Amino acid sequence: MAFKQDTGFLRRIPQEFIDKKSKSCPICGTKKPQWSIDRHFSFISQNRYLFKCEDCGCILSATVSDVACFEGKPQSTAFIDTLDAK
């Protein structure tokens, strides 16, 4: 995986999604964690964004479609649905 922080155009939407949906890391409790982002492609299931906490290394996951709906109206109520510890 190639996790990285990037506020460029391509990663702006997933970065804003995780920053607004997760004000603290659910695993280590860090307030305002720094999240790095990667994207997981799959032919079998939905494509997903992966968000890694820079403090504890846990990985949160959300579908690309849920992240994309976050910018639209009405706003998505989706939240991170997968946790993975380091």
PDB file of N, CA and C in Angstrom:
ATOM      1  N   MET A   1       0.829  -1.181   0.000  1.00  0.00           N
ATOM      2  CA  MET A   1       0.000   0.000   0.000  1.00  0.00           C
ATOM      3  C   MET A   1       0.875   1.245   0.000  1.00  0.00           C
ATOM      4  N   ALA A   2       0.350   2.282  -0.583  1.00  0.00           N
ATOM      5  CA  ALA A   2       1.100   3.530  -0.685  1.00  0.00           C
ATOM      6  C   ALA A   2       0.299   4.655  -0.023  1.00  0.00           C
ATOM      7  N   PHE A   3       0.272   4.639   1.290  1.00  0.00           N
ATOM      8  CA  PHE A   3      -0.453   5.682   2.009  1.00  0.00           C
ATOM      9  C   PHE A   3       0.315   6.990   1.915  1.00  0.00           C
ATOM     10  N   LYS A   4      -0.419   8.080   1.708  1.00  0.00           N
ATOM     11  CA  LYS A   4       0.213   9.392   1.743  1.00  0.00           C
ATOM     12  C   LYS A   4      -0.821  10.451   2.041  1.00  0.00           C
ATOM     13  N   GLN A   5      -0.361  11.560   2.580  1.00  0.00           N
ATOM     14  CA  GLN A   5      -1.217  12.716   2.804  1.00  0.00           C
ATOM     15  C   GLN A   5      -1.075  13.603   1.591  1.00  0.00           C
ATOM     16  N   ASP A   6      -2.190  14.078   1.097  1.00  0.00           N
ATOM     17  CA  ASP A   6      -2.158  14.900  -0.092  1.00  0.00           C
ATOM     18  C   ASP A   6      -3.412  15.759  -0.117  1.00  0.00           C
ATOM     19  N   THR A   7      -3.242  17.039  -0.201  1.00  0.00           N
ATOM     20  CA  THR A   7      -4.395  17.924  -0.268  1.00  0.00           C
ATOM     21  C   THR A   7      -4.637  18.392  -1.698  1.00  0.00           C
ATOM     22  N   GLY A   8      -3.961  17.735  -2.658  1.00  0.00           N
ATOM     23  CA  GLY A   8      -4.178  18.064  -4.056  1.00  0.00           C
ATOM     24  C   GLY A   8      -5.596  17.729  -4.480  1.00  0.00           C
ATOM     25  N   PHE A   9      -5.931  18.099  -5.687  1.00  0.00           N
ATOM     26  CA  PHE A   9      -7.300  17.955  -6.182  1.00  0.00           C
ATOM     27  C   PHE A   9      -7.828  16.529  -6.071  1.00  0.00           C
ATOM     28  N   LEU A  10      -7.043  15.531  -6.433  1.00  0.00           N
ATOM     29  CA  LEU A  10      -7.524  14.145  -6.443  1.00  0.00           C
ATOM     30  C   LEU A  10      -7.810  13.581  -5.060  1.00  0.00           C
ATOM     31  N   ARG A  11      -7.115  14.051  -4.054  1.00  0.00           N
ATOM     32  CA  ARG A  11      -7.303  13.501  -2.711  1.00  0.00           C
ATOM     33  C   ARG A  11      -8.013  14.461  -1.769  1.00  0.00           C
ATOM     34  N   ARG A  12      -8.437  15.587  -2.263  1.00  0.00           N
ATOM     35  CA  ARG A  12      -9.099  16.575  -1.410  1.00  0.00           C
ATOM     36  C   ARG A  12     -10.398  16.036  -0.826  1.00  0.00           C
ATOM     37  N   ILE A  13     -11.211  15.382  -1.629  1.00  0.00           N
ATOM     38  CA  ILE A  13     -12.511  14.898  -1.167  1.00  0.00           C
ATOM     39  C   ILE A  13     -12.363  13.811  -0.092  1.00  0.00           C
ATOM     40  N   PRO A  14     -11.558  12.761  -0.306  1.00  0.00           N
ATOM     41  CA  PRO A  14     -11.422  11.781   0.776  1.00  0.00           C
ATOM     42  C   PRO A  14     -10.766  12.362   2.031  1.00  0.00           C
ATOM     43  N   GLN A  15      -9.861  13.333   1.865  1.00  0.00           N
ATOM     44  CA  GLN A  15      -9.230  13.955   3.033  1.00  0.00           C
ATOM     45  C   GLN A  15     -10.264  14.727   3.843  1.00  0.00           C
ATOM     46  N   GLU A  16     -11.122  15.482   3.172  1.00  0.00           N
ATOM     47  CA  GLU A  16     -12.173  16.218   3.876  1.00  0.00           C
ATOM     48  C   GLU A  16     -13.173  15.261   4.520  1.00  0.00           C
ATOM     49  N   PHE A  17     -13.467  14.145   3.852  1.00  0.00           N
ATOM     50  CA  PHE A  17     -14.386  13.144   4.386  1.00  0.00           C
ATOM     51  C   PHE A  17     -13.882  12.615   5.730  1.00  0.00           C
ATOM     52  N   ILE A  18     -12.637  12.152   5.782  1.00  0.00           N
ATOM     53  CA  ILE A  18     -12.115  11.567   7.030  1.00  0.00           C
ATOM     54  C   ILE A  18     -11.939  12.639   8.095  1.00  0.00           C
ATOM     55  N   ASP A  19     -11.529  13.825   7.721  1.00  0.00           N
ATOM     56  CA  ASP A  19     -11.349  14.893   8.708  1.00  0.00           C
ATOM     57  C   ASP A  19     -12.672  15.284   9.368  1.00  0.00           C
ATOM     58  N   LYS A  20     -13.764  15.297   8.592  1.00  0.00           N
ATOM     59  CA  LYS A  20     -15.064  15.677   9.137  1.00  0.00           C
ATOM     60  C   LYS A  20     -15.765  14.524   9.845  1.00  0.00           C
ATOM     61  N   LYS A  21     -15.586  13.302   9.349  1.00  0.00           N
ATOM     62  CA  LYS A  21     -16.286  12.152   9.921  1.00  0.00           C
ATOM     63  C   LYS A  21     -15.582  11.555  11.137  1.00  0.00           C
ATOM     64  N   SER A  22     -14.304  11.772  11.269  1.00  0.00           N
ATOM     65  CA  SER A  22     -13.555  11.183  12.380  1.00  0.00           C
ATOM     66  C   SER A  22     -12.687  12.249  13.040  1.00  0.00           C
ATOM     67  N   LYS A  23     -13.245  12.914  14.029  1.00  0.00           N
ATOM     68  CA  LYS A  23     -12.544  13.998  14.723  1.00  0.00           C
ATOM     69  C   LYS A  23     -11.421  13.483  15.616  1.00  0.00           C
ATOM     70  N   SER A  24     -11.479  12.196  15.973  1.00  0.00           N
ATOM     71  CA  SER A  24     -10.408  11.564  16.745  1.00  0.00           C
ATOM     72  C   SER A  24     -10.273  10.124  16.265  1.00  0.00           C
ATOM     73  N   CYS A  25      -9.119   9.534  16.492  1.00  0.00           N
ATOM     74  CA  CYS A  25      -8.901   8.147  16.079  1.00  0.00           C
ATOM     75  C   CYS A  25      -9.690   7.225  17.020  1.00  0.00           C
ATOM     76  N   PRO A  26     -10.519   6.326  16.487  1.00  0.00           N
ATOM     77  CA  PRO A  26     -11.313   5.446  17.345  1.00  0.00           C
ATOM     78  C   PRO A  26     -10.480   4.380  18.059  1.00  0.00           C
ATOM     79  N   ILE A  27      -9.251   4.177  17.642  1.00  0.00           N
ATOM     80  CA  ILE A  27      -8.400   3.158  18.269  1.00  0.00           C
ATOM     81  C   ILE A  27      -7.516   3.761  19.355  1.00  0.00           C
ATOM     82  N   CYS A  28      -6.734   4.787  19.015  1.00  0.00           N
ATOM     83  CA  CYS A  28      -5.788   5.348  20.000  1.00  0.00           C
ATOM     84  C   CYS A  28      -6.322   6.603  20.695  1.00  0.00           C
ATOM     85  N   GLY A  29      -7.409   7.203  20.171  1.00  0.00           N
ATOM     86  CA  GLY A  29      -8.002   8.361  20.814  1.00  0.00           C
ATOM     87  C   GLY A  29      -7.333   9.689  20.500  1.00  0.00           C
ATOM     88  N   THR A  30      -6.371   9.695  19.596  1.00  0.00           N
ATOM     89  CA  THR A  30      -5.692  10.927  19.222  1.00  0.00           C
ATOM     90  C   THR A  30      -6.698  11.962  18.716  1.00  0.00           C
ATOM     91  N   LYS A  31      -6.641  13.159  19.272  1.00  0.00           N
ATOM     92  CA  LYS A  31      -7.500  14.247  18.814  1.00  0.00           C
ATOM     93  C   LYS A  31      -6.899  14.847  17.542  1.00  0.00           C
ATOM     94  N   LYS A  32      -7.728  15.084  16.533  1.00  0.00           N
ATOM     95  CA  LYS A  32      -7.293  15.607  15.247  1.00  0.00           C
ATOM     96  C   LYS A  32      -6.119  14.799  14.669  1.00  0.00           C
ATOM     97  N   PRO A  33      -6.329  13.510  14.445  1.00  0.00           N
ATOM     98  CA  PRO A  33      -5.239  12.677  13.913  1.00  0.00           C
ATOM     99  C   PRO A  33      -4.869  13.071  12.484  1.00  0.00           C
ATOM    100  N   GLN A  34      -3.649  12.789  12.127  1.00  0.00           N
ATOM    101  CA  GLN A  34      -3.188  12.976  10.761  1.00  0.00           C
ATOM    102  C   GLN A  34      -3.482  11.683  10.009  1.00  0.00           C
ATOM    103  N   TRP A  35      -4.327  11.731   8.995  1.00  0.00           N
ATOM    104  CA  TRP A  35      -4.709  10.547   8.229  1.00  0.00           C
ATOM    105  C   TRP A  35      -3.978  10.546   6.896  1.00  0.00           C
ATOM    106  N   SER A  36      -3.360   9.419   6.566  1.00  0.00           N
ATOM    107  CA  SER A  36      -2.825   9.244   5.217  1.00  0.00           C
ATOM    108  C   SER A  36      -3.824   8.361   4.469  1.00  0.00           C
ATOM    109  N   ILE A  37      -3.850   8.502   3.154  1.00  0.00           N
ATOM    110  CA  ILE A  37      -4.903   7.888   2.347  1.00  0.00           C
ATOM    111  C   ILE A  37      -4.303   6.973   1.287  1.00  0.00           C
ATOM    112  N   ASP A  38      -5.000   5.867   1.047  1.00  0.00           N
ATOM    113  CA  ASP A  38      -4.687   4.974  -0.061  1.00  0.00           C
ATOM    114  C   ASP A  38      -6.017   4.538  -0.659  1.00  0.00           C
ATOM    115  N   ARG A  39      -5.971   3.944  -1.815  1.00  0.00           N
ATOM    116  CA  ARG A  39      -7.197   3.482  -2.466  1.00  0.00           C
ATOM    117  C   ARG A  39      -7.030   2.011  -2.803  1.00  0.00           C
ATOM    118  N   HIS A  40      -8.036   1.202  -2.484  1.00  0.00           N
ATOM    119  CA  HIS A  40      -8.012  -0.236  -2.740  1.00  0.00           C
ATOM    120  C   HIS A  40      -9.010  -0.544  -3.857  1.00  0.00           C
ATOM    121  N   PHE A  41      -8.496  -1.100  -4.950  1.00  0.00           N
ATOM    122  CA  PHE A  41      -9.349  -1.469  -6.074  1.00  0.00           C
ATOM    123  C   PHE A  41      -9.693  -2.945  -5.990  1.00  0.00           C
ATOM    124  N   SER A  42     -10.929  -3.289  -6.335  1.00  0.00           N
ATOM    125  CA  SER A  42     -11.370  -4.677  -6.272  1.00  0.00           C
ATOM    126  C   SER A  42     -12.323  -4.967  -7.421  1.00  0.00           C
ATOM    127  N   PHE A  43     -12.175  -6.139  -8.015  1.00  0.00           N
ATOM    128  CA  PHE A  43     -13.113  -6.562  -9.051  1.00  0.00           C
ATOM    129  C   PHE A  43     -14.320  -7.266  -8.451  1.00  0.00           C
ATOM    130  N   ILE A  44     -14.179  -7.746  -7.224  1.00  0.00           N
ATOM    131  CA  ILE A  44     -15.229  -8.526  -6.575  1.00  0.00           C
ATOM    132  C   ILE A  44     -16.164  -7.651  -5.745  1.00  0.00           C
ATOM    133  N   SER A  45     -15.606  -6.719  -5.006  1.00  0.00           N
ATOM    134  CA  SER A  45     -16.416  -5.850  -4.151  1.00  0.00           C
ATOM    135  C   SER A  45     -16.187  -4.392  -4.545  1.00  0.00           C
ATOM    136  N   GLN A  46     -16.780  -3.484  -3.789  1.00  0.00           N
ATOM    137  CA  GLN A  46     -16.650  -2.060  -4.105  1.00  0.00           C
ATOM    138  C   GLN A  46     -15.232  -1.557  -3.855  1.00  0.00           C
ATOM    139  N   ASN A  47     -14.825  -0.586  -4.665  1.00  0.00           N
ATOM    140  CA  ASN A  47     -13.541   0.075  -4.435  1.00  0.00           C
ATOM    141  C   ASN A  47     -13.640   0.872  -3.146  1.00  0.00           C
ATOM    142  N   ARG A  48     -12.526   0.977  -2.424  1.00  0.00           N
ATOM    143  CA  ARG A  48     -12.545   1.597  -1.112  1.00  0.00           C
ATOM    144  C   ARG A  48     -11.381   2.573  -0.956  1.00  0.00           C
ATOM    145  N   TYR A  49     -11.610   3.584  -0.114  1.00  0.00           N
ATOM    146  CA  TYR A  49     -10.522   4.425   0.378  1.00  0.00           C
ATOM    147  C   TYR A  49     -10.098   3.856   1.715  1.00  0.00           C
ATOM    148  N   LEU A  50      -8.806   3.844   1.957  1.00  0.00           N
ATOM    149  CA  LEU A  50      -8.250   3.410   3.236  1.00  0.00           C
ATOM    150  C   LEU A  50      -7.613   4.624   3.893  1.00  0.00           C
ATOM    151  N   PHE A  51      -7.870   4.782   5.178  1.00  0.00           N
ATOM    152  CA  PHE A  51      -7.362   5.924   5.940  1.00  0.00           C
ATOM    153  C   PHE A  51      -6.523   5.382   7.090  1.00  0.00           C
ATOM    154  N   LYS A  52      -5.255   5.759   7.132  1.00  0.00           N
ATOM    155  CA  LYS A  52      -4.332   5.244   8.151  1.00  0.00           C
ATOM    156  C   LYS A  52      -3.979   6.337   9.148  1.00  0.00           C
ATOM    157  N   CYS A  53      -4.174   6.041  10.440  1.00  0.00           N
ATOM    158  CA  CYS A  53      -3.792   6.967  11.508  1.00  0.00           C
ATOM    159  C   CYS A  53      -2.274   6.972  11.617  1.00  0.00           C
ATOM    160  N   GLU A  54      -1.687   8.144  11.551  1.00  0.00           N
ATOM    161  CA  GLU A  54      -0.229   8.248  11.621  1.00  0.00           C
ATOM    162  C   GLU A  54       0.311   7.971  13.022  1.00  0.00           C
ATOM    163  N   ASP A  55      -0.548   8.038  14.045  1.00  0.00           N
ATOM    164  CA  ASP A  55      -0.091   7.801  15.407  1.00  0.00           C
ATOM    165  C   ASP A  55      -0.038   6.310  15.760  1.00  0.00           C
ATOM    166  N   CYS A  56      -1.129   5.579  15.492  1.00  0.00           N
ATOM    167  CA  CYS A  56      -1.180   4.170  15.914  1.00  0.00           C
ATOM    168  C   CYS A  56      -1.141   3.180  14.759  1.00  0.00           C
ATOM    169  N   GLY A  57      -1.361   3.649  13.546  1.00  0.00           N
ATOM    170  CA  GLY A  57      -1.290   2.775  12.385  1.00  0.00           C
ATOM    171  C   GLY A  57      -2.576   2.035  12.058  1.00  0.00           C
ATOM    172  N   CYS A  58      -3.670   2.305  12.775  1.00  0.00           N
ATOM    173  CA  CYS A  58      -4.922   1.629  12.445  1.00  0.00           C
ATOM    174  C   CYS A  58      -5.405   2.104  11.082  1.00  0.00           C
ATOM    175  N   ILE A  59      -6.162   1.260  10.424  1.00  0.00           N
ATOM    176  CA  ILE A  59      -6.663   1.581   9.097  1.00  0.00           C
ATOM    177  C   ILE A  59      -8.184   1.542   9.106  1.00  0.00           C
ATOM    178  N   LEU A  60      -8.788   2.652   8.688  1.00  0.00           N
ATOM    179  CA  LEU A  60     -10.228   2.748   8.546  1.00  0.00           C
ATOM    180  C   LEU A  60     -10.549   2.697   7.053  1.00  0.00           C
ATOM    181  N   SER A  61     -11.758   2.258   6.722  1.00  0.00           N
ATOM    182  CA  SER A  61     -12.114   2.064   5.324  1.00  0.00           C
ATOM    183  C   SER A  61     -13.511   2.589   5.036  1.00  0.00           C
ATOM    184  N   ALA A  62     -13.691   3.169   3.855  1.00  0.00           N
ATOM    185  CA  ALA A  62     -15.010   3.608   3.389  1.00  0.00           C
ATOM    186  C   ALA A  62     -15.066   3.390   1.880  1.00  0.00           C
ATOM    187  N   THR A  63     -16.255   3.078   1.361  1.00  0.00           N
ATOM    188  CA  THR A  63     -16.367   2.873  -0.079  1.00  0.00           C
ATOM    189  C   THR A  63     -16.163   4.186  -0.821  1.00  0.00           C
ATOM    190  N   VAL A  64     -15.664   4.089  -2.026  1.00  0.00           N
ATOM    191  CA  VAL A  64     -15.447   5.268  -2.863  1.00  0.00           C
ATOM    192  C   VAL A  64     -16.775   5.980  -3.110  1.00  0.00           C
ATOM    193  N   SER A  65     -17.846   5.215  -3.318  1.00  0.00           N
ATOM    194  CA  SER A  65     -19.145   5.850  -3.568  1.00  0.00           C
ATOM    195  C   SER A  65     -19.658   6.607  -2.343  1.00  0.00           C
ATOM    196  N   ASP A  66     -19.425   6.091  -1.138  1.00  0.00           N
ATOM    197  CA  ASP A  66     -19.829   6.816   0.070  1.00  0.00           C
ATOM    198  C   ASP A  66     -19.041   8.115   0.219  1.00  0.00           C
ATOM    199  N   VAL A  67     -17.766   8.075  -0.085  1.00  0.00           N
ATOM    200  CA  VAL A  67     -16.940   9.284   0.005  1.00  0.00           C
ATOM    201  C   VAL A  67     -17.386  10.288  -1.048  1.00  0.00           C
ATOM    202  N   ALA A  68     -17.702   9.829  -2.245  1.00  0.00           N
ATOM    203  CA  ALA A  68     -18.145  10.718  -3.317  1.00  0.00           C
ATOM    204  C   ALA A  68     -19.488  11.360  -2.972  1.00  0.00           C
ATOM    205  N   CYS A  69     -20.396  10.607  -2.354  1.00  0.00           N
ATOM    206  CA  CYS A  69     -21.708  11.141  -1.967  1.00  0.00           C
ATOM    207  C   CYS A  69     -21.583  12.196  -0.879  1.00  0.00           C
ATOM    208  N   PHE A  70     -20.506  12.158  -0.133  1.00  0.00           N
ATOM    209  CA  PHE A  70     -20.266  13.107   0.944  1.00  0.00           C
ATOM    210  C   PHE A  70     -20.283  14.542   0.416  1.00  0.00           C
ATOM    211  N   GLU A  71     -19.809  14.752  -0.801  1.00  0.00           N
ATOM    212  CA  GLU A  71     -19.758  16.074  -1.409  1.00  0.00           C
ATOM    213  C   GLU A  71     -21.097  16.486  -2.007  1.00  0.00           C
ATOM    214  N   GLY A  72     -21.951  15.514  -2.299  1.00  0.00           N
ATOM    215  CA  GLY A  72     -23.214  15.805  -2.966  1.00  0.00           C
ATOM    216  C   GLY A  72     -24.318  16.169  -1.999  1.00  0.00           C
ATOM    217  N   LYS A  73     -25.495  16.394  -2.536  1.00  0.00           N
ATOM    218  CA  LYS A  73     -26.664  16.679  -1.711  1.00  0.00           C
ATOM    219  C   LYS A  73     -27.697  15.617  -1.995  1.00  0.00           C
ATOM    220  N   PRO A  74     -28.331  15.015  -1.022  1.00  0.00           N
ATOM    221  CA  PRO A  74     -28.048  15.210   0.393  1.00  0.00           C
ATOM    222  C   PRO A  74     -26.747  14.542   0.790  1.00  0.00           C
ATOM    223  N   GLN A  75     -26.177  15.017   1.875  1.00  0.00           N
ATOM    224  CA  GLN A  75     -24.914  14.442   2.330  1.00  0.00           C
ATOM    225  C   GLN A  75     -25.107  12.998   2.773  1.00  0.00           C
ATOM    226  N   SER A  76     -24.106  12.221   2.485  1.00  0.00           N
ATOM    227  CA  SER A  76     -24.128  10.823   2.884  1.00  0.00           C
ATOM    228  C   SER A  76     -24.052  10.721   4.407  1.00  0.00           C
ATOM    229  N   THR A  77     -24.749   9.753   4.958  1.00  0.00           N
ATOM    230  CA  THR A  77     -24.649   9.489   6.390  1.00  0.00           C
ATOM    231  C   THR A  77     -23.671   8.350   6.633  1.00  0.00           C
ATOM    232  N   ALA A  78     -22.997   7.907   5.599  1.00  0.00           N
ATOM    233  CA  ALA A  78     -22.064   6.776   5.713  1.00  0.00           C
ATOM    234  C   ALA A  78     -20.912   7.146   6.633  1.00  0.00           C
ATOM    235  N   PHE A  79     -20.406   6.154   7.301  1.00  0.00           N
ATOM    236  CA  PHE A  79     -19.220   6.329   8.112  1.00  0.00           C
ATOM    237  C   PHE A  79     -18.270   5.185   7.844  1.00  0.00           C
ATOM    238  N   ILE A  80     -17.154   5.236   8.441  1.00  0.00           N
ATOM    239  CA  ILE A  80     -16.131   4.214   8.272  1.00  0.00           C
ATOM    240  C   ILE A  80     -16.686   2.868   8.761  1.00  0.00           C
ATOM    241  N   ASP A  81     -16.518   1.839   7.972  1.00  0.00           N
ATOM    242  CA  ASP A  81     -17.114   0.578   8.367  1.00  0.00           C
ATOM    243  C   ASP A  81     -16.132  -0.560   8.555  1.00  0.00           C
ATOM    244  N   THR A  82     -14.855  -0.315   8.460  1.00  0.00           N
ATOM    245  CA  THR A  82     -13.873  -1.373   8.657  1.00  0.00           C
ATOM    246  C   THR A  82     -12.722  -0.827   9.485  1.00  0.00           C
ATOM    247  N   LEU A  83     -12.335  -1.567  10.491  1.00  0.00           N
ATOM    248  CA  LEU A  83     -11.170  -1.209  11.293  1.00  0.00           C
ATOM    249  C   LEU A  83     -10.136  -2.304  11.161  1.00  0.00           C
ATOM    250  N   ASP A  84      -8.895  -1.918  11.119  1.00  0.00           N
ATOM    251  CA  ASP A  84      -7.820  -2.886  11.015  1.00  0.00           C
ATOM    252  C   ASP A  84      -6.657  -2.358  11.835  1.00  0.00           C
ATOM    253  N   ALA A  85      -6.233  -3.120  12.821  1.00  0.00           N
ATOM    254  CA  ALA A  85      -5.128  -2.683  13.680  1.00  0.00           C
ATOM    255  C   ALA A  85      -3.802  -3.043  13.043  1.00  0.00           C
ATOM    256  N   LYS A  86      -2.791  -2.324  13.427  1.00  0.00           N
ATOM    257  CA  LYS A  86      -1.440  -2.528  12.920  1.00  0.00           C
ATOM    258  C   LYS A  86      -0.886  -3.829  13.416  1.00  0.00           C
TER     259      LYS A  86
END
